[in-house]
C-alpha atoms as a PDB file:
ATOM      1  CA  MET A   1       0.000   0.000   0.000  1.00  0.00           C
ATOM      2  CA  THR A   2       2.799   2.357   0.859  1.00  0.00           C
ATOM      3  CA  ASP A   3       4.552   1.841  -2.495  1.00  0.00           C
ATOM      4  CA  SER A   4       1.280   2.182  -4.423  1.00  0.00           C
ATOM      5  CA  ARG A   5       0.399   5.377  -2.594  1.00  0.00           C
ATOM      6  CA  ALA A   6       3.850   6.808  -3.305  1.00  0.00           C
ATOM      7  CA  ARG A   7       3.525   5.991  -7.039  1.00  0.00           C
ATOM      8  CA  ILE A   8       0.082   7.611  -7.243  1.00  0.00           C
ATOM      9  CA  LEU A   9       1.248  10.769  -5.482  1.00  0.00           C
ATOM     10  CA  ASP A  10       4.333  10.932  -7.708  1.00  0.00           C
ATOM     11  CA  GLN A  11       2.156  10.727 -10.832  1.00  0.00           C
ATOM     12  CA  ILE A  12      -0.065  13.524  -9.516  1.00  0.00           C
ATOM     13  CA  ARG A  13       2.948  15.736  -8.793  1.00  0.00           C
ATOM     14  CA  ARG A  14       4.374  15.148 -12.249  1.00  0.00           C
ATOM     15  CA  SER A  15       1.090  15.937 -13.994  1.00  0.00           C
ATOM     16  CA  ARG A  16       0.632  19.115 -11.937  1.00  0.00           C
ATOM     17  CA  ALA A  17       4.212  20.212 -12.655  1.00  0.00           C
ATOM     18  CA  ALA A  18       3.664  19.762 -16.402  1.00  0.00           C
ATOM     19  CA  VAL A  19       0.473  21.828 -16.276  1.00  0.00           C
ATOM     20  CA  GLN A  20       2.174  24.560 -14.233  1.00  0.00           C
ATOM     21  CA  ASP A  21       5.091  24.695 -16.688  1.00  0.00           C
ATOM     22  CA  ASP A  22       2.640  25.146 -19.549  1.00  0.00           C
ATOM     23  CA  VAL A  23       0.848  27.938 -17.670  1.00  0.00           C
ATOM     24  CA  VAL A  24       4.119  29.750 -16.947  1.00  0.00           C
ATOM     25  CA  ASP A  25       5.358  29.386 -20.539  1.00  0.00           C
ATOM     26  CA  HIS A  26       2.054  30.663 -21.885  1.00  0.00           C
ATOM     27  CA  ARG A  27       2.027  33.687 -19.584  1.00  0.00           C
ATOM     28  CA  LEU A  28       5.598  34.614 -20.523  1.00  0.00           C
ATOM     29  CA  ALA A  29       4.801  34.327 -24.221  1.00  0.00           C
ATOM     30  CA  GLU A  30       1.285  35.801 -24.127  1.00  0.00           C
ATOM     31  CA  HIS A  31       1.348  38.024 -21.035  1.00  0.00           C
ATOM     32  CA  PRO A  32      -1.817  40.141 -20.614  1.00  0.00           C
ATOM     33  CA  ARG A  33      -1.642  43.853 -21.393  1.00  0.00           C
ATOM     34  CA  GLY A  34      -3.296  46.458 -19.240  1.00  0.00           C
ATOM     35  CA  PRO A  35      -4.438  49.909 -20.350  1.00  0.00           C
ATOM     36  CA  THR A  36      -1.627  52.310 -21.316  1.00  0.00           C
ATOM     37  CA  PRO A  37      -1.765  56.105 -20.804  1.00  0.00           C
ATOM     38  CA  ALA A  38      -2.609  58.088 -23.919  1.00  0.00           C
ATOM     39  CA  ARG A  39       0.125  60.628 -23.245  1.00  0.00           C
ATOM     40  CA  GLY A  40       2.779  58.007 -23.996  1.00  0.00           C
ATOM     41  CA  GLN A  41       1.319  57.130 -27.391  1.00  0.00           C
ATOM     42  CA  LEU A  42       3.076  59.859 -29.360  1.00  0.00           C
ATOM     43  CA  SER A  43       5.232  60.433 -32.413  1.00  0.00           C
ATOM     44  CA  ALA A  44       9.005  60.088 -32.003  1.00  0.00           C
ATOM     45  CA  GLU A  45       9.566  63.855 -31.813  1.00  0.00           C
ATOM     46  CA  ASP A  46       6.792  64.286 -29.260  1.00  0.00           C
ATOM     47  CA  ARG A  47       8.167  61.412 -27.157  1.00  0.00           C
ATOM     48  CA  LEU A  48      11.543  63.123 -27.076  1.00  0.00           C
ATOM     49  CA  ALA A  49       9.990  66.451 -26.074  1.00  0.00           C
ATOM     50  CA  LEU A  50       7.889  64.816 -23.348  1.00  0.00           C
ATOM     51  CA  PHE A  51      10.856  62.881 -21.998  1.00  0.00           C
ATOM     52  CA  ILE A  52      12.966  66.043 -21.696  1.00  0.00           C
ATOM     53  CA  GLN A  53      10.070  67.907 -20.060  1.00  0.00           C
ATOM     54  CA  GLN A  54       9.481  65.149 -17.511  1.00  0.00           C
ATOM     55  CA  ALA A  55      13.168  64.554 -16.778  1.00  0.00           C
ATOM     56  CA  THR A  56      13.959  68.219 -16.157  1.00  0.00           C
ATOM     57  CA  ALA A  57      10.847  68.542 -13.961  1.00  0.00           C
ATOM     58  CA  VAL A  58      12.508  66.152 -11.464  1.00  0.00           C
ATOM     59  CA  ASP A  59      15.860  68.012 -11.428  1.00  0.00           C
ATOM     60  CA  ALA A  60      17.751  66.099 -14.108  1.00  0.00           C
ATOM     61  CA  THR A  61      19.634  68.115 -16.712  1.00  0.00           C
ATOM     62  CA  VAL A  62      19.506  67.203 -20.400  1.00  0.00           C
ATOM     63  CA  THR A  63      21.789  68.034 -23.321  1.00  0.00           C
ATOM     64  CA  ARG A  64      21.137  67.001 -26.900  1.00  0.00           C
ATOM     65  CA  LEU A  65      24.027  65.840 -29.095  1.00  0.00           C
ATOM     66  CA  GLN A  66      24.053  64.884 -32.746  1.00  0.00           C
ATOM     67  CA  ALA A  67      26.829  62.290 -32.607  1.00  0.00           C
ATOM     68  CA  PHE A  68      28.632  60.031 -30.138  1.00  0.00           C
ATOM     69  CA  GLN A  69      31.910  61.819 -30.898  1.00  0.00           C
ATOM     70  CA  GLU A  70      30.571  64.914 -29.110  1.00  0.00           C
ATOM     71  CA  ILE A  71      30.287  63.104 -25.773  1.00  0.00           C
ATOM     72  CA  PRO A  72      33.872  63.589 -24.457  1.00  0.00           C
ATOM     73  CA  ARG A  73      33.830  67.358 -24.969  1.00  0.00           C
ATOM     74  CA  GLU A  74      30.345  67.692 -23.452  1.00  0.00           C
ATOM     75  CA  VAL A  75      31.318  65.659 -20.370  1.00  0.00           C
ATOM     76  CA  ALA A  76      34.486  67.707 -19.859  1.00  0.00           C
ATOM     77  CA  ASN A  77      32.551  70.980 -20.237  1.00  0.00           C
ATOM     78  CA  TYR A  78      29.812  69.849 -17.859  1.00  0.00           C
ATOM     79  CA  LEU A  79      32.307  68.977 -15.121  1.00  0.00           C
ATOM     80  CA  ARG A  80      34.388  72.131 -15.617  1.00  0.00           C
ATOM     81  CA  GLU A  81      31.397  74.497 -15.594  1.00  0.00           C
ATOM     82  CA  ARG A  82      30.208  73.052 -12.267  1.00  0.00           C
ATOM     83  CA  ASN A  83      33.686  72.881 -10.735  1.00  0.00           C
ATOM     84  CA  LEU A  84      33.353  69.113 -10.336  1.00  0.00           C
ATOM     85  CA  PRO A  85      36.264  66.630 -10.176  1.00  0.00           C
ATOM     86  CA  ALA A  86      37.943  66.048 -13.548  1.00  0.00           C
ATOM     87  CA  THR A  87      37.775  62.291 -13.116  1.00  0.00           C
ATOM     88  CA  LEU A  88      35.429  59.857 -14.800  1.00  0.00           C
ATOM     89  CA  ARG A  89      34.615  56.188 -14.277  1.00  0.00           C
ATOM     90  CA  MET A  90      32.671  54.880 -17.260  1.00  0.00           C
ATOM     91  CA  ALA A  91      31.053  51.621 -18.173  1.00  0.00           C
ATOM     92  CA  PRO A  92      33.317  49.367 -20.276  1.00  0.00           C
ATOM     93  CA  ASP A  93      30.925  49.616 -23.199  1.00  0.00           C
ATOM     94  CA  ARG A  94      32.600  50.105 -26.582  1.00  0.00           C
ATOM     95  CA  LYS A  95      30.157  52.872 -27.499  1.00  0.00           C
ATOM     96  CA  LEU A  96      31.894  54.843 -24.743  1.00  0.00           C
ATOM     97  CA  THR A  97      35.421  53.431 -24.567  1.00  0.00           C
ATOM     98  CA  ASP A  98      36.031  53.872 -28.330  1.00  0.00           C
ATOM     99  CA  LEU A  99      35.303  57.622 -28.191  1.00  0.00           C
ATOM    100  CA  PRO A 100      38.148  60.157 -28.707  1.00  0.00           C
ATOM    101  CA  TRP A 101      38.652  60.982 -25.029  1.00  0.00           C
ATOM    102  CA  SER A 102      42.323  61.937 -25.323  1.00  0.00           C
ATOM    103  CA  ASN A 103      41.636  64.374 -28.177  1.00  0.00           C
ATOM    104  CA  GLN A 104      38.475  66.066 -26.903  1.00  0.00           C
ATOM    105  CA  ALA A 105      38.838  65.772 -23.120  1.00  0.00           C
ATOM    106  CA  SER A 106      42.594  65.834 -22.546  1.00  0.00           C
ATOM    107  CA  GLY A 107      42.304  67.239 -19.017  1.00  0.00           C
ATOM    108  CA  LEU A 108      39.984  64.478 -17.889  1.00  0.00           C
ATOM    109  CA  ASP A 109      41.171  61.357 -16.044  1.00  0.00           C
ATOM    110  CA  VAL A 110      39.086  58.604 -17.663  1.00  0.00           C
ATOM    111  CA  GLN A 111      38.942  54.985 -16.542  1.00  0.00           C
ATOM    112  CA  ALA A 112      36.571  52.161 -17.446  1.00  0.00           C
ATOM    113  CA  GLY A 113      35.312  49.471 -15.109  1.00  0.00           C
ATOM    114  CA  CYS A 114      33.226  48.830 -12.011  1.00  0.00           C
ATOM    115  CA  ALA A 115      32.507  51.638  -9.572  1.00  0.00           C
ATOM    116  CA  GLU A 116      34.762  52.195  -6.576  1.00  0.00           C
ATOM    117  CA  ALA A 117      33.964  54.027  -3.357  1.00  0.00           C
ATOM    118  CA  THR A 118      36.174  56.980  -4.325  1.00  0.00           C
ATOM    119  CA  ASP A 119      34.594  57.572  -7.754  1.00  0.00           C
ATOM    120  CA  ALA A 120      32.945  60.996  -8.007  1.00  0.00           C
ATOM    121  CA  VAL A 121      31.548  60.864 -11.565  1.00  0.00           C
ATOM    122  CA  SER A 122      30.203  58.005 -13.676  1.00  0.00           C
ATOM    123  CA  LEU A 123      29.147  57.675 -17.313  1.00  0.00           C
ATOM    124  CA  VAL A 124      26.901  54.821 -18.437  1.00  0.00           C
ATOM    125  CA  PRO A 125      24.716  53.964 -21.458  1.00  0.00           C
ATOM    126  CA  ALA A 126      20.970  53.638 -21.003  1.00  0.00           C
ATOM    127  CA  PHE A 127      19.067  50.729 -22.507  1.00  0.00           C
ATOM    128  CA  ALA A 128      15.967  52.859 -23.034  1.00  0.00           C
ATOM    129  CA  ALA A 129      13.830  55.616 -21.541  1.00  0.00           C
ATOM    130  CA  VAL A 130      10.135  56.150 -20.837  1.00  0.00           C
ATOM    131  CA  ALA A 131       8.694  59.417 -22.098  1.00  0.00           C
ATOM    132  CA  GLU A 132       5.574  59.474 -19.927  1.00  0.00           C
ATOM    133  CA  THR A 133       7.606  59.824 -16.705  1.00  0.00           C
ATOM    134  CA  GLY A 134      11.059  60.955 -17.848  1.00  0.00           C
ATOM    135  CA  THR A 135      12.519  57.672 -16.599  1.00  0.00           C
ATOM    136  CA  LEU A 136      15.801  56.056 -17.645  1.00  0.00           C
ATOM    137  CA  VAL A 137      15.971  52.265 -17.928  1.00  0.00           C
ATOM    138  CA  LEU A 138      19.361  50.647 -17.338  1.00  0.00           C
ATOM    139  CA  HIS A 139      20.180  46.966 -17.033  1.00  0.00           C
ATOM    140  CA  SER A 140      23.144  45.056 -15.671  1.00  0.00           C
ATOM    141  CA  GLY A 141      25.703  43.175 -17.711  1.00  0.00           C
ATOM    142  CA  ALA A 142      29.431  42.704 -18.204  1.00  0.00           C
ATOM    143  CA  GLU A 143      29.656  46.056 -19.982  1.00  0.00           C
ATOM    144  CA  ARG A 144      27.197  47.822 -17.679  1.00  0.00           C
ATOM    145  CA  PRO A 145      28.182  47.488 -13.983  1.00  0.00           C
ATOM    146  CA  THR A 146      25.190  48.432 -11.843  1.00  0.00           C
ATOM    147  CA  GLY A 147      27.280  50.133  -9.153  1.00  0.00           C
ATOM    148  CA  LEU A 148      28.025  52.996 -11.552  1.00  0.00           C
ATOM    149  CA  ASN A 149      24.351  53.991 -11.278  1.00  0.00           C
ATOM    150  CA  PHE A 150      24.459  54.524  -7.521  1.00  0.00           C
ATOM    151  CA  LEU A 151      27.904  55.090  -5.996  1.00  0.00           C
ATOM    152  CA  PRO A 152      29.285  58.244  -7.683  1.00  0.00           C
ATOM    153  CA  ASP A 153      27.855  61.608  -6.645  1.00  0.00           C
ATOM    154  CA  THR A 154      27.417  62.703 -10.278  1.00  0.00           C
ATOM    155  CA  HIS A 155      25.691  60.328 -12.686  1.00  0.00           C
ATOM    156  CA  ILE A 156      25.950  60.989 -16.442  1.00  0.00           C
ATOM    157  CA  VAL A 157      23.857  58.815 -18.744  1.00  0.00           C
ATOM    158  CA  MET A 158      24.145  58.458 -22.499  1.00  0.00           C
ATOM    159  CA  LEU A 159      20.751  57.845 -24.136  1.00  0.00           C
ATOM    160  CA  GLU A 160      20.122  57.343 -27.832  1.00  0.00           C
ATOM    161  CA  ALA A 161      17.068  59.343 -28.890  1.00  0.00           C
ATOM    162  CA  ARG A 162      15.749  56.390 -30.889  1.00  0.00           C
ATOM    163  CA  ASP A 163      15.519  54.373 -27.643  1.00  0.00           C
ATOM    164  CA  ILE A 164      12.942  56.659 -26.025  1.00  0.00           C
ATOM    165  CA  ALA A 165       9.721  54.660 -25.706  1.00  0.00           C
ATOM    166  CA  GLY A 166       6.331  56.079 -24.903  1.00  0.00           C
ATOM    167  CA  THR A 167       5.394  53.640 -22.135  1.00  0.00           C
ATOM    168  CA  TYR A 168       6.886  51.124 -19.705  1.00  0.00           C
ATOM    169  CA  GLU A 169       5.161  48.256 -21.512  1.00  0.00           C
ATOM    170  CA  GLN A 170       7.109  49.006 -24.686  1.00  0.00           C
ATOM    171  CA  VAL A 171      10.406  48.940 -22.800  1.00  0.00           C
ATOM    172  CA  TRP A 172       9.592  45.564 -21.223  1.00  0.00           C
ATOM    173  CA  ASP A 173       8.722  44.244 -24.677  1.00  0.00           C
ATOM    174  CA  ARG A 174      12.197  45.263 -25.871  1.00  0.00           C
ATOM    175  CA  LEU A 175      13.849  43.670 -22.858  1.00  0.00           C
ATOM    176  CA  ARG A 176      11.982  40.405 -23.423  1.00  0.00           C
ATOM    177  CA  ALA A 177      12.876  40.428 -27.116  1.00  0.00           C
ATOM    178  CA  GLN A 178      16.625  40.543 -26.529  1.00  0.00           C
ATOM    179  CA  ASN A 179      18.776  37.513 -25.651  1.00  0.00           C
ATOM    180  CA  ASP A 180      16.088  35.005 -26.681  1.00  0.00           C
ATOM    181  CA  GLY A 181      13.607  36.325 -24.139  1.00  0.00           C
ATOM    182  CA  ARG A 182      15.916  36.096 -21.125  1.00  0.00           C
ATOM    183  CA  LEU A 183      15.687  39.156 -18.908  1.00  0.00           C
ATOM    184  CA  PRO A 184      18.804  40.785 -17.430  1.00  0.00           C
ATOM    185  CA  ARG A 185      19.642  40.014 -13.818  1.00  0.00           C
ATOM    186  CA  THR A 186      19.008  43.618 -12.766  1.00  0.00           C
ATOM    187  CA  VAL A 187      16.871  46.356 -14.309  1.00  0.00           C
ATOM    188  CA  ASN A 188      17.098  49.848 -12.794  1.00  0.00           C
ATOM    189  CA  MET A 189      14.512  52.546 -13.501  1.00  0.00           C
ATOM    190  CA  ILE A 190      15.823  55.980 -12.580  1.00  0.00           C
ATOM    191  CA  THR A 191      13.732  59.137 -12.526  1.00  0.00           C
ATOM    192  CA  GLY A 192      15.823  62.164 -11.584  1.00  0.00           C
ATOM    193  CA  PRO A 193      18.606  62.318  -8.976  1.00  0.00           C
ATOM    194  CA  SER A 194      18.299  60.443  -5.690  1.00  0.00           C
ATOM    195  CA  ARG A 195      16.051  62.288  -3.245  1.00  0.00           C
ATOM    196  CA  THR A 196      14.152  62.107   0.027  1.00  0.00           C
ATOM    197  CA  ALA A 197      11.676  64.262   1.936  1.00  0.00           C
ATOM    198  CA  ASP A 198      12.050  62.426   5.239  1.00  0.00           C
ATOM    199  CA  ILE A 199      13.686  65.449   6.927  1.00  0.00           C
ATOM    200  CA  GLU A 200      10.980  68.024   7.720  1.00  0.00           C
ATOM    201  CA  GLN A 201       9.218  67.208   4.405  1.00  0.00           C
ATOM    202  CA  THR A 202      11.941  69.114   2.529  1.00  0.00           C
ATOM    203  CA  ILE A 203      13.380  67.578  -0.641  1.00  0.00           C
ATOM    204  CA  GLN A 204      17.053  66.665  -0.223  1.00  0.00           C
ATOM    205  CA  LEU A 205      18.983  65.479  -3.285  1.00  0.00           C
ATOM    206  CA  GLY A 206      21.615  62.761  -3.079  1.00  0.00           C
ATOM    207  CA  ALA A 207      20.102  61.000  -0.082  1.00  0.00           C
ATOM    208  CA  HIS A 208      20.520  57.426  -1.334  1.00  0.00           C
ATOM    209  CA  GLY A 209      22.599  57.852  -4.487  1.00  0.00           C
ATOM    210  CA  PRO A 210      23.777  60.492  -6.978  1.00  0.00           C
ATOM    211  CA  ARG A 211      22.790  64.097  -6.266  1.00  0.00           C
ATOM    212  CA  ARG A 212      23.214  65.039  -9.940  1.00  0.00           C
ATOM    213  CA  LEU A 213      21.807  63.338 -13.032  1.00  0.00           C
ATOM    214  CA  HIS A 214      22.916  64.625 -16.424  1.00  0.00           C
ATOM    215  CA  ILE A 215      21.445  62.987 -19.541  1.00  0.00           C
ATOM    216  CA  LEU A 216      23.124  63.131 -22.957  1.00  0.00           C
ATOM    217  CA  VAL A 217      20.506  62.459 -25.642  1.00  0.00           C
ATOM    218  CA  VAL A 218      22.349  61.441 -28.795  1.00  0.00           C
ATOM    219  CA  GLY A 219      20.990  61.523 -32.342  1.00  0.00           C
ATOM    220  CA  ASP A 220      17.456  61.915 -33.647  1.00  0.00           C
ATOM    221  CA  PRO A 221      14.356  60.009 -32.555  1.00  0.00           C
ATOM    222  CA  GLU A 222      12.823  57.307 -34.748  1.00  0.00           C
ATOM    223  CA  ASP A 223       9.242  56.068 -35.075  1.00  0.00           C
END
């Protein structure tokens, strides 16, 4: 009786596991969609304008650039104009490391790699952005160390204009579509510099991360 009972229970567990696997696979492939705000359903130019409006409303600064090659000079100018340290820790992403840093930002100490406690300024690429809230979307990976998003006091993010989506749902669709549907280990959504109002209900920047967020929007948007 004991062996028979064990076999029956094992068969039940196996059948339930197969059904649950099918349910999970179906939901991942055909996940339900909720209603999306109308203000995110815009043309490419309007998405860009809304993103800049929303990002600056939460104390981020935004500069538009036409080409990647303009990034080194813009970063150097941004740091110099604000009397910030002339040091930069950037993500080891070839879109950044292959730029002409020595020619256009000769006075800047530039290193690539993971963030260290002494780093004052970081530069990272964004995966995408959400126009409806002015939010940057960054994910982890070998070329995108997550610590660069949080440890340095000044956070500079390179965003391609064509990667500005209208809604969060569109960004998640893009994330699911890459790497055969496997999501990154970490996805960070950043809206403005770090802040808190815990002290006397007064906004304080830099409470739990960078106190400055500067966004470099490169190129033209695409529908």
